[in-house]
N, C-alpha and C. Protein backbone atom coordinates (compact mmCIF):
# COMPACT_ATOMS: atom_id res chain seq x y z
N MET A 1 80.42 95.57 101.89
CA MET A 1 81.46 94.59 101.55
C MET A 1 81.91 93.83 102.78
N LEU A 2 81.93 94.49 103.94
CA LEU A 2 82.38 93.82 105.15
C LEU A 2 81.49 92.64 105.49
N LEU A 3 80.17 92.78 105.29
CA LEU A 3 79.24 91.69 105.60
C LEU A 3 79.50 90.48 104.74
N VAL A 4 79.92 90.67 103.53
CA VAL A 4 80.20 89.55 102.63
C VAL A 4 81.34 88.71 103.15
N ARG A 5 82.30 89.37 103.85
CA ARG A 5 83.52 88.68 104.25
C ARG A 5 83.46 88.07 105.64
N THR A 6 82.50 88.42 106.43
CA THR A 6 82.53 88.10 107.84
C THR A 6 82.79 86.62 108.13
N ALA A 7 82.19 85.73 107.37
CA ALA A 7 82.29 84.31 107.64
C ALA A 7 83.63 83.71 107.26
N VAL A 8 84.42 84.42 106.43
CA VAL A 8 85.64 83.81 105.93
C VAL A 8 86.91 84.50 106.37
N LEU A 9 86.82 85.62 107.07
CA LEU A 9 88.02 86.30 107.51
C LEU A 9 88.70 85.55 108.64
N GLY A 10 90.02 85.47 108.55
CA GLY A 10 90.79 84.84 109.62
C GLY A 10 91.49 85.90 110.43
N GLY A 11 92.05 85.51 111.57
CA GLY A 11 92.71 86.49 112.40
C GLY A 11 94.20 86.24 112.46
N GLY A 12 94.90 87.15 113.14
CA GLY A 12 96.32 86.98 113.34
C GLY A 12 97.14 87.59 112.23
N ALA A 13 98.40 87.89 112.56
CA ALA A 13 99.31 88.44 111.56
C ALA A 13 99.66 87.37 110.54
N LEU A 14 99.79 87.79 109.30
CA LEU A 14 100.06 86.85 108.23
C LEU A 14 101.26 87.32 107.43
N ARG A 15 101.96 86.36 106.86
CA ARG A 15 103.01 86.66 105.90
C ARG A 15 102.70 85.86 104.66
N CYS A 16 102.64 86.55 103.53
CA CYS A 16 102.34 85.85 102.28
C CYS A 16 103.38 86.22 101.24
N ARG A 17 103.62 85.31 100.32
CA ARG A 17 104.56 85.57 99.23
C ARG A 17 103.80 85.49 97.92
N PRO A 18 103.40 86.65 97.35
CA PRO A 18 102.64 86.65 96.12
C PRO A 18 103.35 85.91 95.00
N VAL A 19 102.59 85.25 94.13
CA VAL A 19 103.14 84.53 93.00
C VAL A 19 103.90 85.50 92.10
N GLY A 20 105.14 85.15 91.77
CA GLY A 20 105.92 85.96 90.84
C GLY A 20 106.57 87.17 91.46
N CYS A 21 106.37 87.42 92.76
CA CYS A 21 106.98 88.57 93.41
C CYS A 21 108.20 88.13 94.20
N ARG A 22 109.13 89.05 94.40
CA ARG A 22 110.38 88.72 95.07
C ARG A 22 110.33 88.99 96.57
N SER A 23 109.30 89.68 97.04
CA SER A 23 109.23 90.01 98.45
C SER A 23 107.90 89.60 99.04
N ALA A 24 107.83 89.60 100.36
CA ALA A 24 106.60 89.22 101.05
C ALA A 24 106.03 90.43 101.77
N ALA A 25 104.74 90.39 102.03
CA ALA A 25 104.08 91.50 102.72
C ALA A 25 103.43 90.97 104.00
N SER A 26 103.58 91.70 105.08
CA SER A 26 102.93 91.34 106.32
C SER A 26 101.67 92.17 106.47
N TYR A 27 100.58 91.54 106.86
CA TYR A 27 99.32 92.26 107.04
C TYR A 27 98.40 91.47 107.95
N VAL A 28 97.36 92.11 108.40
CA VAL A 28 96.27 91.47 109.13
C VAL A 28 94.98 91.85 108.41
N GLN A 29 94.20 90.86 108.00
CA GLN A 29 92.95 91.17 107.33
C GLN A 29 92.09 92.06 108.23
N GLY A 30 91.60 93.17 107.67
CA GLY A 30 90.78 94.09 108.43
C GLY A 30 91.55 95.06 109.29
N GLN A 31 92.87 95.13 109.10
CA GLN A 31 93.69 96.03 109.91
C GLN A 31 93.28 97.48 109.68
N SER A 32 93.56 98.31 110.69
CA SER A 32 93.18 99.72 110.63
C SER A 32 94.42 100.58 110.86
N PRO A 33 95.14 100.92 109.79
CA PRO A 33 96.36 101.72 109.94
C PRO A 33 96.09 103.16 110.34
N ASP A 34 94.87 103.62 110.05
CA ASP A 34 94.45 104.98 110.40
C ASP A 34 93.03 104.91 110.94
N PRO A 35 92.62 105.89 111.70
CA PRO A 35 91.26 105.87 112.25
C PRO A 35 90.21 105.72 111.15
N ARG A 36 89.29 104.79 111.37
CA ARG A 36 88.14 104.54 110.49
C ARG A 36 88.54 103.99 109.12
N ILE A 37 89.78 103.54 108.98
CA ILE A 37 90.25 102.93 107.73
C ILE A 37 90.42 101.43 107.96
N ARG A 38 89.93 100.61 107.02
CA ARG A 38 90.10 99.17 107.08
C ARG A 38 90.78 98.69 105.80
N GLU A 39 91.66 97.71 105.94
CA GLU A 39 92.37 97.18 104.78
C GLU A 39 92.17 95.67 104.66
N TYR A 40 91.89 95.23 103.42
CA TYR A 40 91.71 93.81 103.14
C TYR A 40 92.57 93.43 101.93
N PHE A 41 92.88 92.15 101.85
CA PHE A 41 93.86 91.70 100.86
C PHE A 41 93.31 90.50 100.08
N TYR A 42 93.42 90.59 98.75
CA TYR A 42 92.79 89.61 97.86
C TYR A 42 93.79 89.07 96.84
N TYR A 43 93.36 88.00 96.20
CA TYR A 43 94.15 87.35 95.15
C TYR A 43 93.22 86.85 94.07
N VAL A 44 93.56 87.07 92.80
CA VAL A 44 92.78 86.51 91.68
C VAL A 44 93.68 85.56 90.90
N ASP A 45 93.19 84.34 90.66
CA ASP A 45 94.00 83.34 89.98
C ASP A 45 93.86 83.44 88.47
N HIS A 46 94.53 82.53 87.75
CA HIS A 46 94.53 82.61 86.28
C HIS A 46 93.22 82.12 85.68
N GLN A 47 92.28 81.68 86.53
CA GLN A 47 90.94 81.32 86.04
C GLN A 47 89.94 82.46 86.30
N GLY A 48 90.40 83.55 86.89
CA GLY A 48 89.52 84.67 87.17
C GLY A 48 88.75 84.54 88.47
N GLN A 49 89.16 83.63 89.35
CA GLN A 49 88.49 83.44 90.63
C GLN A 49 89.12 84.34 91.68
N LEU A 50 88.28 85.00 92.47
CA LEU A 50 88.74 85.93 93.49
C LEU A 50 88.68 85.28 94.87
N PHE A 51 89.75 85.45 95.64
CA PHE A 51 89.85 84.89 96.99
C PHE A 51 90.38 85.95 97.95
N LEU A 52 90.09 85.76 99.24
CA LEU A 52 90.89 86.44 100.23
C LEU A 52 92.30 85.89 100.11
N ASP A 53 93.27 86.77 100.17
CA ASP A 53 94.65 86.36 99.88
C ASP A 53 95.15 85.25 100.81
N ASP A 54 94.70 85.24 102.05
CA ASP A 54 95.20 84.26 103.01
C ASP A 54 94.39 82.97 103.02
N THR A 55 93.44 82.80 102.10
CA THR A 55 92.72 81.53 102.02
C THR A 55 93.69 80.41 101.69
N LYS A 56 93.73 79.40 102.53
CA LYS A 56 94.73 78.34 102.36
C LYS A 56 94.45 77.47 101.15
N VAL A 57 93.20 77.06 100.98
CA VAL A 57 92.82 76.22 99.85
C VAL A 57 92.01 77.07 98.89
N LYS A 58 92.58 77.35 97.74
CA LYS A 58 91.92 78.21 96.77
C LYS A 58 91.33 77.35 95.66
N ASN A 59 90.00 77.27 95.63
CA ASN A 59 89.29 76.53 94.60
C ASN A 59 87.90 77.13 94.42
N PHE A 60 87.06 76.48 93.62
CA PHE A 60 85.74 77.03 93.34
C PHE A 60 84.89 77.15 94.59
N VAL A 61 85.12 76.27 95.54
CA VAL A 61 84.33 76.31 96.78
C VAL A 61 84.64 77.55 97.60
N THR A 62 85.91 77.95 97.62
CA THR A 62 86.33 79.03 98.52
C THR A 62 86.40 80.40 97.84
N CYS A 63 86.19 80.48 96.53
CA CYS A 63 86.26 81.77 95.86
C CYS A 63 84.96 82.55 96.05
N PHE A 64 85.02 83.85 95.82
CA PHE A 64 83.82 84.68 95.88
C PHE A 64 82.97 84.45 94.63
N LYS A 65 81.67 84.24 94.84
CA LYS A 65 80.79 83.94 93.71
C LYS A 65 79.61 84.91 93.60
N ASP A 66 79.43 85.79 94.56
CA ASP A 66 78.33 86.74 94.52
C ASP A 66 78.58 87.77 93.42
N LYS A 67 77.72 87.79 92.41
CA LYS A 67 77.94 88.63 91.23
C LYS A 67 77.96 90.11 91.60
N GLN A 68 77.06 90.53 92.48
CA GLN A 68 77.00 91.94 92.86
C GLN A 68 78.31 92.38 93.52
N PHE A 69 78.84 91.54 94.38
CA PHE A 69 80.12 91.85 95.02
C PHE A 69 81.25 91.93 94.01
N LEU A 70 81.30 90.95 93.07
CA LEU A 70 82.37 90.93 92.08
C LEU A 70 82.32 92.17 91.19
N VAL A 71 81.12 92.56 90.76
CA VAL A 71 80.98 93.75 89.94
C VAL A 71 81.44 94.99 90.72
N PHE A 72 81.03 95.07 91.97
CA PHE A 72 81.41 96.19 92.82
C PHE A 72 82.93 96.26 92.97
N PHE A 73 83.55 95.12 93.23
CA PHE A 73 84.99 95.05 93.48
C PHE A 73 85.79 95.41 92.23
N PHE A 74 85.50 94.74 91.11
CA PHE A 74 86.33 94.92 89.91
C PHE A 74 86.03 96.22 89.17
N SER A 75 84.83 96.76 89.31
CA SER A 75 84.53 98.03 88.65
C SER A 75 85.29 99.19 89.30
N ARG A 76 85.77 99.00 90.51
CA ARG A 76 86.52 100.04 91.22
C ARG A 76 88.02 99.76 91.24
N LEU A 77 88.43 98.71 90.59
CA LEU A 77 89.84 98.33 90.63
C LEU A 77 90.70 99.29 89.82
N ARG A 78 91.81 99.68 90.41
CA ARG A 78 92.76 100.58 89.77
C ARG A 78 94.18 100.13 90.12
N SER A 79 95.14 100.75 89.46
CA SER A 79 96.53 100.56 89.84
C SER A 79 96.72 101.10 91.25
N ASN A 80 97.48 100.38 92.06
CA ASN A 80 97.72 100.79 93.44
C ASN A 80 98.78 101.88 93.49
N GLN A 81 98.34 103.08 93.73
CA GLN A 81 99.25 104.22 93.89
C GLN A 81 99.04 104.87 95.25
N SER A 82 98.69 104.02 96.22
CA SER A 82 98.35 104.51 97.56
C SER A 82 99.56 104.76 98.44
N GLY A 83 100.72 104.21 98.02
CA GLY A 83 101.89 104.29 98.87
C GLY A 83 101.99 103.14 99.86
N ARG A 84 101.01 102.23 99.82
CA ARG A 84 101.00 101.07 100.70
C ARG A 84 100.90 99.78 99.87
N TYR A 85 101.79 98.83 100.14
CA TYR A 85 101.77 97.50 99.52
C TYR A 85 101.80 97.56 97.98
N GLU A 86 102.37 98.61 97.42
CA GLU A 86 102.34 98.76 95.97
C GLU A 86 103.09 97.65 95.25
N LYS A 87 104.17 97.16 95.84
CA LYS A 87 104.97 96.12 95.18
C LYS A 87 104.30 94.76 95.24
N ASP A 88 103.79 94.40 96.39
CA ASP A 88 103.21 93.07 96.56
C ASP A 88 101.75 92.98 96.13
N PHE A 89 101.04 94.09 96.20
CA PHE A 89 99.64 94.14 95.78
C PHE A 89 99.49 95.32 94.81
N PRO A 90 99.72 95.09 93.53
CA PRO A 90 99.81 96.18 92.55
C PRO A 90 98.48 96.86 92.23
N PHE A 91 97.35 96.31 92.72
CA PHE A 91 96.05 96.87 92.38
C PHE A 91 95.24 97.14 93.65
N LEU A 92 94.32 98.10 93.52
CA LEU A 92 93.56 98.55 94.68
C LEU A 92 92.13 98.86 94.27
N SER A 93 91.17 98.36 95.05
CA SER A 93 89.75 98.65 94.86
C SER A 93 89.26 99.38 96.10
N MET A 94 88.86 100.63 95.93
CA MET A 94 88.44 101.45 97.07
C MET A 94 86.93 101.36 97.27
N CYS A 95 86.53 101.26 98.51
CA CYS A 95 85.11 101.25 98.88
C CYS A 95 84.94 102.17 100.08
N GLY A 96 84.71 103.45 99.82
CA GLY A 96 84.64 104.40 100.92
C GLY A 96 85.96 104.43 101.68
N ARG A 97 85.91 104.08 102.96
CA ARG A 97 87.12 104.05 103.77
C ARG A 97 87.77 102.67 103.80
N GLU A 98 87.30 101.76 102.97
CA GLU A 98 87.90 100.43 102.85
C GLU A 98 88.90 100.42 101.71
N ARG A 99 90.07 99.88 101.98
CA ARG A 99 91.07 99.68 100.94
C ARG A 99 91.18 98.18 100.69
N ASN A 100 90.93 97.77 99.46
CA ASN A 100 90.98 96.36 99.10
C ASN A 100 92.13 96.14 98.14
N PHE A 101 93.21 95.58 98.66
CA PHE A 101 94.42 95.37 97.87
C PHE A 101 94.33 94.04 97.12
N LEU A 102 94.88 94.02 95.90
CA LEU A 102 94.79 92.82 95.07
C LEU A 102 96.13 92.49 94.42
N ARG A 103 96.47 91.23 94.46
CA ARG A 103 97.57 90.69 93.65
C ARG A 103 96.97 89.62 92.74
N CYS A 104 97.73 89.19 91.74
CA CYS A 104 97.18 88.24 90.78
C CYS A 104 98.23 87.25 90.32
N ASP A 105 97.76 86.10 89.85
CA ASP A 105 98.64 85.08 89.30
C ASP A 105 99.26 85.55 87.99
N ASP A 106 98.49 86.29 87.20
CA ASP A 106 98.97 86.77 85.90
C ASP A 106 98.51 88.20 85.67
N ARG A 107 97.23 88.38 85.35
CA ARG A 107 96.64 89.70 85.13
C ARG A 107 95.42 89.85 86.02
N PRO A 108 95.09 91.06 86.46
CA PRO A 108 93.94 91.23 87.36
C PRO A 108 92.59 90.98 86.68
N MET A 109 92.51 91.19 85.38
CA MET A 109 91.30 90.93 84.63
C MET A 109 91.47 89.64 83.84
N VAL A 110 90.62 88.66 84.12
CA VAL A 110 90.69 87.37 83.44
C VAL A 110 89.37 87.14 82.72
N PHE A 111 89.43 87.02 81.40
CA PHE A 111 88.22 86.80 80.60
C PHE A 111 87.76 85.37 80.76
N THR A 112 86.50 85.21 81.14
CA THR A 112 85.97 83.88 81.44
C THR A 112 84.92 83.40 80.46
N HIS A 113 84.18 84.35 79.81
CA HIS A 113 83.09 83.95 78.93
C HIS A 113 82.99 84.89 77.73
N LEU A 114 82.55 84.32 76.61
CA LEU A 114 82.23 85.09 75.42
C LEU A 114 80.72 85.19 75.34
N LEU A 115 80.20 86.42 75.34
CA LEU A 115 78.76 86.65 75.45
C LEU A 115 78.21 87.34 74.21
N GLN A 116 76.91 87.17 73.99
CA GLN A 116 76.18 87.94 73.01
C GLN A 116 75.42 89.03 73.75
N SER A 117 75.64 90.28 73.40
CA SER A 117 75.01 91.38 74.12
C SER A 117 73.61 91.69 73.63
N SER A 118 73.32 91.38 72.38
CA SER A 118 71.99 91.73 71.85
C SER A 118 71.50 90.73 70.81
N GLY A 119 71.77 89.45 71.05
CA GLY A 119 71.29 88.42 70.15
C GLY A 119 72.15 88.28 68.92
N GLY A 120 71.71 87.42 68.00
CA GLY A 120 72.46 87.16 66.79
C GLY A 120 73.34 85.95 66.95
N PRO A 121 73.61 85.22 65.86
CA PRO A 121 74.43 84.02 65.95
C PRO A 121 75.85 84.32 66.35
N ARG A 122 76.46 83.41 67.04
CA ARG A 122 77.83 83.59 67.51
C ARG A 122 78.78 83.70 66.33
N GLY A 123 79.75 84.57 66.50
CA GLY A 123 80.79 84.70 65.48
C GLY A 123 80.53 85.81 64.48
N LEU A 124 79.48 86.62 64.66
CA LEU A 124 79.22 87.69 63.72
C LEU A 124 80.17 88.86 63.91
N GLY A 125 80.80 88.93 65.08
CA GLY A 125 81.74 90.01 65.34
C GLY A 125 81.03 91.30 65.71
N GLY A 126 81.79 92.41 65.70
CA GLY A 126 81.21 93.70 66.05
C GLY A 126 80.92 93.81 67.52
N ASP A 127 80.11 94.83 67.88
CA ASP A 127 79.88 95.09 69.29
C ASP A 127 78.83 94.17 69.90
N GLN A 128 78.29 93.20 69.15
CA GLN A 128 77.33 92.26 69.72
C GLN A 128 78.03 91.22 70.58
N GLU A 129 79.31 91.07 70.40
CA GLU A 129 80.05 90.08 71.16
C GLU A 129 80.89 90.74 72.25
N LEU A 130 80.81 90.18 73.43
CA LEU A 130 81.52 90.72 74.58
C LEU A 130 82.38 89.65 75.22
N LEU A 131 83.54 90.05 75.69
CA LEU A 131 84.34 89.18 76.53
C LEU A 131 84.10 89.62 77.97
N SER A 132 83.56 88.72 78.78
CA SER A 132 83.23 89.01 80.16
C SER A 132 84.37 88.55 81.06
N PHE A 133 84.66 89.33 82.10
CA PHE A 133 85.78 88.97 82.97
C PHE A 133 85.36 88.85 84.44
N CYS A 134 86.03 87.94 85.12
CA CYS A 134 85.97 87.80 86.58
C CYS A 134 84.56 87.61 87.14
N GLY A 135 83.71 86.90 86.43
CA GLY A 135 82.41 86.52 86.97
C GLY A 135 81.36 87.59 86.98
N GLY A 136 81.56 88.68 86.23
CA GLY A 136 80.62 89.80 86.28
C GLY A 136 79.59 89.84 85.17
N GLY A 137 79.60 88.83 84.26
CA GLY A 137 78.65 88.83 83.16
C GLY A 137 78.80 90.08 82.30
N GLU A 138 77.69 90.61 81.78
CA GLU A 138 77.74 91.78 80.90
C GLU A 138 78.15 93.05 81.64
N LYS A 139 78.05 93.04 82.96
CA LYS A 139 78.41 94.23 83.74
C LYS A 139 79.92 94.39 83.87
N LEU A 140 80.66 93.32 83.61
CA LEU A 140 82.12 93.39 83.57
C LEU A 140 82.53 92.79 82.23
N ALA A 141 82.61 93.61 81.20
CA ALA A 141 82.87 93.09 79.87
C ALA A 141 83.45 94.17 78.96
N VAL A 142 84.15 93.72 77.92
CA VAL A 142 84.65 94.61 76.88
C VAL A 142 84.25 94.02 75.53
N PRO A 143 84.15 94.84 74.48
CA PRO A 143 83.85 94.31 73.16
C PRO A 143 84.92 93.33 72.70
N PHE A 144 84.49 92.23 72.11
CA PHE A 144 85.43 91.22 71.62
C PHE A 144 86.03 91.68 70.30
N ARG A 145 87.37 91.72 70.26
CA ARG A 145 88.10 92.08 69.04
C ARG A 145 88.94 90.88 68.63
N PRO A 146 88.46 90.03 67.74
CA PRO A 146 89.19 88.80 67.40
C PRO A 146 90.59 89.06 66.85
N GLU A 147 90.77 90.18 66.13
CA GLU A 147 92.08 90.46 65.55
C GLU A 147 93.11 90.84 66.60
N ALA A 148 92.65 91.19 67.80
CA ALA A 148 93.56 91.66 68.86
C ALA A 148 93.98 90.55 69.81
N LEU A 149 93.48 89.34 69.62
CA LEU A 149 93.93 88.22 70.46
C LEU A 149 95.44 88.04 70.29
N TYR A 150 96.09 87.74 71.39
CA TYR A 150 97.55 87.57 71.35
C TYR A 150 97.94 86.31 72.11
N MET A 151 98.64 85.42 71.41
CA MET A 151 99.14 84.20 72.04
C MET A 151 100.60 84.41 72.41
N HIS A 152 100.90 84.31 73.69
CA HIS A 152 102.26 84.53 74.15
C HIS A 152 103.17 83.42 73.60
N PRO A 153 104.29 83.77 72.95
CA PRO A 153 105.13 82.77 72.30
C PRO A 153 105.82 81.80 73.25
N THR A 154 105.94 82.16 74.51
CA THR A 154 106.62 81.28 75.46
C THR A 154 105.64 80.47 76.30
N SER A 155 104.68 81.13 76.92
CA SER A 155 103.74 80.43 77.81
C SER A 155 102.58 79.79 77.06
N GLY A 156 102.25 80.31 75.87
CA GLY A 156 101.09 79.81 75.14
C GLY A 156 99.78 80.37 75.64
N ARG A 157 99.82 81.22 76.66
CA ARG A 157 98.59 81.82 77.17
C ARG A 157 98.07 82.85 76.17
N VAL A 158 96.75 83.04 76.19
CA VAL A 158 96.09 83.95 75.24
C VAL A 158 95.61 85.19 75.99
N TYR A 159 95.80 86.35 75.38
CA TYR A 159 95.45 87.62 75.99
C TYR A 159 94.58 88.44 75.03
N HIS A 160 93.88 89.42 75.60
CA HIS A 160 93.00 90.31 74.83
C HIS A 160 93.04 91.68 75.49
N PRO A 161 92.89 92.76 74.73
CA PRO A 161 92.89 94.09 75.34
C PRO A 161 91.82 94.22 76.41
N CYS A 162 92.18 94.98 77.46
CA CYS A 162 91.27 95.20 78.57
C CYS A 162 91.33 96.68 78.95
N LEU A 163 90.82 97.00 80.10
CA LEU A 163 90.71 98.39 80.54
C LEU A 163 92.08 98.98 80.86
N GLU A 164 92.29 100.21 80.43
CA GLU A 164 93.57 100.87 80.64
C GLU A 164 93.88 101.05 82.12
N ARG A 165 92.87 101.25 82.95
CA ARG A 165 93.10 101.52 84.36
C ARG A 165 93.69 100.33 85.11
N VAL A 166 93.65 99.14 84.49
CA VAL A 166 94.26 97.97 85.12
C VAL A 166 95.33 97.35 84.22
N GLY A 167 95.94 98.18 83.39
CA GLY A 167 97.09 97.72 82.62
C GLY A 167 96.86 97.50 81.14
N GLY A 168 95.61 97.48 80.69
CA GLY A 168 95.33 97.37 79.27
C GLY A 168 95.33 95.97 78.69
N VAL A 169 95.65 94.96 79.51
CA VAL A 169 95.71 93.59 79.03
C VAL A 169 94.96 92.67 79.96
N GLY A 170 94.13 91.79 79.40
CA GLY A 170 93.44 90.79 80.20
C GLY A 170 93.83 89.40 79.72
N LEU A 171 93.89 88.47 80.64
CA LEU A 171 94.19 87.07 80.32
C LEU A 171 92.91 86.34 79.95
N VAL A 172 92.97 85.50 78.92
CA VAL A 172 91.85 84.63 78.58
C VAL A 172 92.05 83.32 79.33
N ARG A 173 91.09 82.96 80.19
CA ARG A 173 91.28 81.76 81.01
C ARG A 173 91.40 80.53 80.12
N SER A 174 92.05 79.49 80.63
CA SER A 174 92.43 78.35 79.83
C SER A 174 91.25 77.66 79.14
N ALA A 175 90.11 77.53 79.84
CA ALA A 175 88.95 76.86 79.25
C ALA A 175 88.45 77.60 78.02
N LEU A 176 88.40 78.93 78.10
CA LEU A 176 87.95 79.73 76.96
C LEU A 176 89.01 79.74 75.86
N ALA A 177 90.28 79.79 76.25
CA ALA A 177 91.37 79.77 75.26
C ALA A 177 91.34 78.47 74.46
N ILE A 178 91.06 77.35 75.12
CA ILE A 178 90.95 76.07 74.43
C ILE A 178 89.78 76.08 73.45
N GLU A 179 88.70 76.71 73.87
CA GLU A 179 87.52 76.82 73.00
C GLU A 179 87.82 77.64 71.75
N LEU A 180 88.67 78.65 71.88
CA LEU A 180 89.01 79.52 70.76
C LEU A 180 90.16 78.98 69.92
N SER A 181 90.94 78.08 70.46
CA SER A 181 92.18 77.63 69.81
C SER A 181 92.00 77.06 68.40
N PRO A 182 90.89 76.34 68.08
CA PRO A 182 90.77 75.82 66.71
C PRO A 182 90.66 76.90 65.64
N PHE A 183 90.40 78.15 66.04
CA PHE A 183 90.20 79.23 65.08
C PHE A 183 91.48 79.99 64.76
N PHE A 184 92.57 79.67 65.47
CA PHE A 184 93.86 80.28 65.14
C PHE A 184 94.42 79.63 63.88
N VAL A 185 95.02 80.46 63.01
CA VAL A 185 95.62 79.98 61.78
C VAL A 185 97.12 80.27 61.84
N TYR A 186 97.92 79.26 61.47
CA TYR A 186 99.36 79.38 61.55
C TYR A 186 99.97 79.46 60.16
N PRO A 187 101.09 80.15 60.01
CA PRO A 187 101.76 80.20 58.70
C PRO A 187 102.11 78.80 58.21
N PRO A 188 102.07 78.55 56.90
CA PRO A 188 102.33 77.21 56.36
C PRO A 188 103.69 76.65 56.75
N GLU A 189 104.67 77.53 56.92
CA GLU A 189 106.03 77.05 57.20
C GLU A 189 106.27 76.75 58.67
N THR A 190 105.28 77.00 59.52
CA THR A 190 105.45 76.74 60.95
C THR A 190 104.43 75.72 61.43
N SER A 191 104.71 75.11 62.56
CA SER A 191 103.77 74.19 63.17
C SER A 191 102.86 74.97 64.11
N GLN A 192 101.91 74.29 64.72
CA GLN A 192 101.01 74.96 65.64
C GLN A 192 101.68 75.31 66.96
N SER A 193 102.94 74.96 67.10
CA SER A 193 103.69 75.39 68.27
C SER A 193 104.28 76.78 68.08
N GLY A 194 104.16 77.30 66.85
CA GLY A 194 104.66 78.64 66.57
C GLY A 194 103.62 79.70 66.85
N GLN A 195 103.85 80.88 66.29
CA GLN A 195 102.97 82.01 66.53
C GLN A 195 101.88 82.06 65.45
N PRO A 196 100.59 82.11 65.83
CA PRO A 196 99.53 82.21 64.83
C PRO A 196 99.58 83.56 64.12
N SER A 197 99.11 83.58 62.89
CA SER A 197 99.11 84.81 62.10
C SER A 197 97.70 85.36 61.86
N HIS A 198 96.67 84.48 61.94
CA HIS A 198 95.30 84.89 61.66
C HIS A 198 94.34 84.20 62.63
N PHE A 199 93.12 84.71 62.64
CA PHE A 199 92.08 84.12 63.48
C PHE A 199 90.79 84.10 62.67
N LEU A 200 90.21 82.91 62.49
CA LEU A 200 88.98 82.75 61.73
C LEU A 200 87.78 82.98 62.65
N TRP A 201 86.97 83.96 62.28
CA TRP A 201 85.82 84.27 63.14
C TRP A 201 84.73 84.96 62.34
N GLY A 202 83.52 84.49 62.48
CA GLY A 202 82.39 85.11 61.80
C GLY A 202 82.51 85.07 60.29
N GLY A 203 83.12 84.01 59.77
CA GLY A 203 83.26 83.90 58.32
C GLY A 203 84.36 84.76 57.74
N GLU A 204 85.17 85.40 58.60
CA GLU A 204 86.26 86.25 58.14
C GLU A 204 87.59 85.73 58.65
N LYS A 205 88.64 86.02 57.91
CA LYS A 205 89.99 85.67 58.31
C LYS A 205 90.67 86.94 58.79
N HIS A 206 90.75 87.10 60.10
CA HIS A 206 91.30 88.31 60.69
C HIS A 206 92.82 88.20 60.84
N THR A 207 93.53 89.19 60.33
CA THR A 207 94.98 89.23 60.54
C THR A 207 95.25 89.69 61.97
N LEU A 208 95.98 88.90 62.71
CA LEU A 208 96.27 89.24 64.11
C LEU A 208 97.22 90.44 64.17
N THR A 209 96.85 91.42 64.96
CA THR A 209 97.65 92.64 65.05
C THR A 209 98.88 92.49 65.95
N ASN A 210 98.81 91.55 66.90
CA ASN A 210 99.88 91.37 67.89
C ASN A 210 100.20 92.68 68.61
N GLU A 211 99.21 93.54 68.74
CA GLU A 211 99.42 94.82 69.40
C GLU A 211 99.77 94.69 70.87
N LEU A 212 99.42 93.55 71.47
CA LEU A 212 99.71 93.37 72.89
C LEU A 212 101.13 92.89 73.15
N ALA A 213 101.87 92.57 72.11
CA ALA A 213 103.24 92.08 72.30
C ALA A 213 104.09 93.10 73.05
N ALA A 214 103.77 94.38 72.87
CA ALA A 214 104.55 95.44 73.53
C ALA A 214 104.41 95.39 75.05
N PHE A 215 103.37 94.72 75.55
CA PHE A 215 103.17 94.62 77.00
C PHE A 215 103.98 93.49 77.62
N PHE A 216 104.68 92.72 76.78
CA PHE A 216 105.43 91.57 77.27
C PHE A 216 106.88 91.70 76.82
N PRO A 217 107.71 92.40 77.61
CA PRO A 217 109.12 92.56 77.26
C PRO A 217 109.81 91.22 77.11
N VAL A 218 110.86 91.20 76.32
CA VAL A 218 111.61 89.96 76.09
C VAL A 218 112.10 89.38 77.40
N ALA A 219 112.52 90.23 78.33
CA ALA A 219 113.03 89.75 79.63
C ALA A 219 111.95 89.01 80.39
N GLU A 220 110.69 89.39 80.20
CA GLU A 220 109.60 88.76 80.93
C GLU A 220 109.34 87.36 80.42
N GLU A 221 109.63 87.10 79.13
CA GLU A 221 109.36 85.80 78.57
C GLU A 221 110.16 84.72 79.28
N GLY A 222 111.45 84.99 79.52
CA GLY A 222 112.25 84.00 80.21
C GLY A 222 111.78 83.78 81.62
N SER A 223 111.40 84.87 82.31
CA SER A 223 110.89 84.77 83.67
C SER A 223 109.61 83.97 83.71
N GLU A 224 108.71 84.20 82.74
CA GLU A 224 107.43 83.51 82.73
C GLU A 224 107.64 82.03 82.47
N GLU A 225 108.61 81.71 81.61
CA GLU A 225 108.86 80.30 81.31
C GLU A 225 109.32 79.57 82.57
N ARG A 226 110.13 80.23 83.39
CA ARG A 226 110.61 79.59 84.62
C ARG A 226 109.46 79.37 85.60
N GLN A 227 108.51 80.30 85.64
CA GLN A 227 107.37 80.16 86.55
C GLN A 227 106.49 78.98 86.17
N LEU A 228 106.42 78.67 84.88
CA LEU A 228 105.54 77.61 84.43
C LEU A 228 106.15 76.23 84.60
N GLU A 229 107.44 76.15 84.83
CA GLU A 229 108.10 74.85 84.99
C GLU A 229 107.71 74.20 86.31
């Protein structure tokens, strides 16, 4: 992993203020708090792009694009319970003696593509359809459950269940959410600005479970609305 970063690591002490966090963390990329231990700091945006946290201009040019690296990084990602940077970098990917801390714009897992795992026309449902996250293709994916899609009532962002080790919820990136949006069905008495009740997929009308609503406390809705302004 160190070789992948060599060309883009900067030096010097840094202070960063993670999006949505109330405090800042001081760090040096590649710092060694203990013998033979190295620490690096990353950020994933709401499009699922991974960056070194201190990258000044974050776009497609500066994000990590090597699939092998992305699979390696995200397959090891867990909740940060290391006792270091837990508030500002809530997630941690361990690589031997390397600690890779991660913060995110919204959720650490961002679904970027809807894939077919074993052929068949799109929309048939079942385990043939996968939601892939963070640039990893089929190696970073979960089965697509159309009934479990959840549209946040305040932000309008769309979410889908993800791995429990990173919080159980993944964000659907905006491009994919727009692609899926025509299949949401709204109650007759509400407009499309309200909460959808069903999702049309594979010739079926799926009743939305809204099971992910429990992950978004009412207090968070007001906070999220302020962030989007």
